[in-house]
Amino acid sequence: MAKFTVIITKSVQKQLAKLPDNVADKLEERMLQLEQNPKPYDCIKLKGRDAYRIRVGNYRIIYDIQENFLIITIIKVGHRKEIYRFI
């Protein structure tokens, strides 16, 4: 399988900066793992939009896959209570 490019948007970078360092590190590590496998065993396709989510403890990573261009765009990261608002 070809290697994907993971794009972390400015808004996601700001969200990560607000989180505790240990949580942000875990999230960043998991995002980079998407380069090798964009649809890991625990990813779930979101209803109503072409996006996926993966869990990292109580936090979620919402991302979009453009398979024809081998690009993964991280749309949003956040706590599970707040992540699904406004997406």
Protein backbone atom coordinates (compact mmCIF):
# COMPACT_ATOMS: atom_id res chain seq x y z
CA MET A 1 0.00 0.00 0.00
CA ALA A 2 1.26 3.47 -0.87
CA LYS A 3 2.16 5.95 1.83
CA PHE A 4 -0.35 8.73 2.45
CA THR A 5 0.47 12.33 3.31
CA VAL A 6 -1.14 13.61 6.51
CA ILE A 7 -2.09 17.30 6.46
CA ILE A 8 -2.74 18.92 9.85
CA THR A 9 -4.66 22.17 9.38
CA LYS A 10 -3.90 25.37 11.30
CA SER A 11 -7.12 25.04 13.31
CA VAL A 12 -6.13 21.52 14.40
CA GLN A 13 -2.67 22.78 15.37
CA LYS A 14 -4.34 25.41 17.57
CA GLN A 15 -6.59 22.75 19.12
CA LEU A 16 -3.56 20.56 19.86
CA ALA A 17 -1.72 23.50 21.46
CA LYS A 18 -4.55 23.94 23.98
CA LEU A 19 -4.39 20.30 25.12
CA PRO A 20 -2.05 18.89 27.79
CA ASP A 21 1.30 17.82 26.31
CA ASN A 22 0.87 14.11 27.03
CA VAL A 23 -2.53 14.04 25.28
CA ALA A 24 -1.30 16.09 22.32
CA ASP A 25 1.68 13.75 21.90
CA LYS A 26 -0.59 10.68 21.79
CA LEU A 27 -2.88 12.35 19.25
CA GLU A 28 0.03 13.41 17.03
CA GLU A 29 1.51 9.93 17.15
CA ARG A 30 -1.81 8.41 16.13
CA MET A 31 -2.19 10.92 13.27
CA LEU A 32 1.21 9.97 11.90
CA GLN A 33 0.25 6.28 12.01
CA LEU A 34 -2.47 7.12 9.47
CA GLU A 35 0.30 7.55 6.83
CA GLN A 36 0.76 3.79 6.76
CA ASN A 37 -2.85 2.72 7.32
CA PRO A 38 -5.56 5.35 6.67
CA LYS A 39 -8.36 3.06 7.83
CA PRO A 40 -7.16 1.27 10.97
CA TYR A 41 -9.31 -1.40 12.61
CA ASP A 42 -10.90 1.09 15.04
CA CYS A 43 -11.84 3.82 12.54
CA ILE A 44 -15.50 4.55 11.99
CA LYS A 45 -17.04 6.35 9.03
CA LEU A 46 -19.19 9.27 10.18
CA LYS A 47 -22.78 9.39 9.05
CA GLY A 48 -23.79 12.30 6.86
CA ARG A 49 -20.30 13.20 5.63
CA ASP A 50 -17.26 11.65 4.02
CA ALA A 51 -15.08 11.62 7.11
CA TYR A 52 -13.73 9.10 9.58
CA ARG A 53 -12.97 9.16 13.27
CA ILE A 54 -10.58 7.32 15.51
CA ARG A 55 -10.44 7.21 19.29
CA VAL A 56 -7.44 8.05 21.44
CA GLY A 57 -8.65 7.63 25.02
CA ASN A 58 -11.35 10.26 25.63
CA TYR A 59 -10.27 12.24 22.57
CA ARG A 60 -11.26 11.86 18.93
CA ILE A 61 -9.54 12.61 15.62
CA ILE A 62 -11.84 13.46 12.71
CA TYR A 63 -10.21 13.16 9.29
CA ASP A 64 -10.93 13.01 5.57
CA ILE A 65 -9.28 10.65 3.08
CA GLN A 66 -8.61 11.59 -0.55
CA GLU A 67 -7.57 8.19 -1.86
CA ASN A 68 -6.88 9.25 -5.46
CA PHE A 69 -4.32 11.85 -4.21
CA LEU A 70 -3.05 9.81 -1.21
CA ILE A 71 -3.87 12.68 1.18
CA ILE A 72 -5.37 12.57 4.67
CA THR A 73 -6.61 15.88 6.06
CA ILE A 74 -7.10 16.10 9.80
CA ILE A 75 -10.31 18.11 10.22
CA LYS A 76 -10.69 18.32 13.98
CA VAL A 77 -9.38 16.93 17.27
CA GLY A 78 -10.98 17.25 20.67
CA HIS A 79 -12.63 15.69 23.68
CA ARG A 80 -15.42 13.24 22.97
CA LYS A 81 -18.03 15.49 24.62
CA GLU A 82 -17.32 18.40 22.30
CA ILE A 83 -15.92 16.96 19.08
CA TYR A 84 -19.19 16.33 17.23
CA ARG A 85 -20.56 19.84 17.66
CA PHE A 86 -20.36 22.07 14.58
CA ILE A 87 -18.99 19.52 12.13
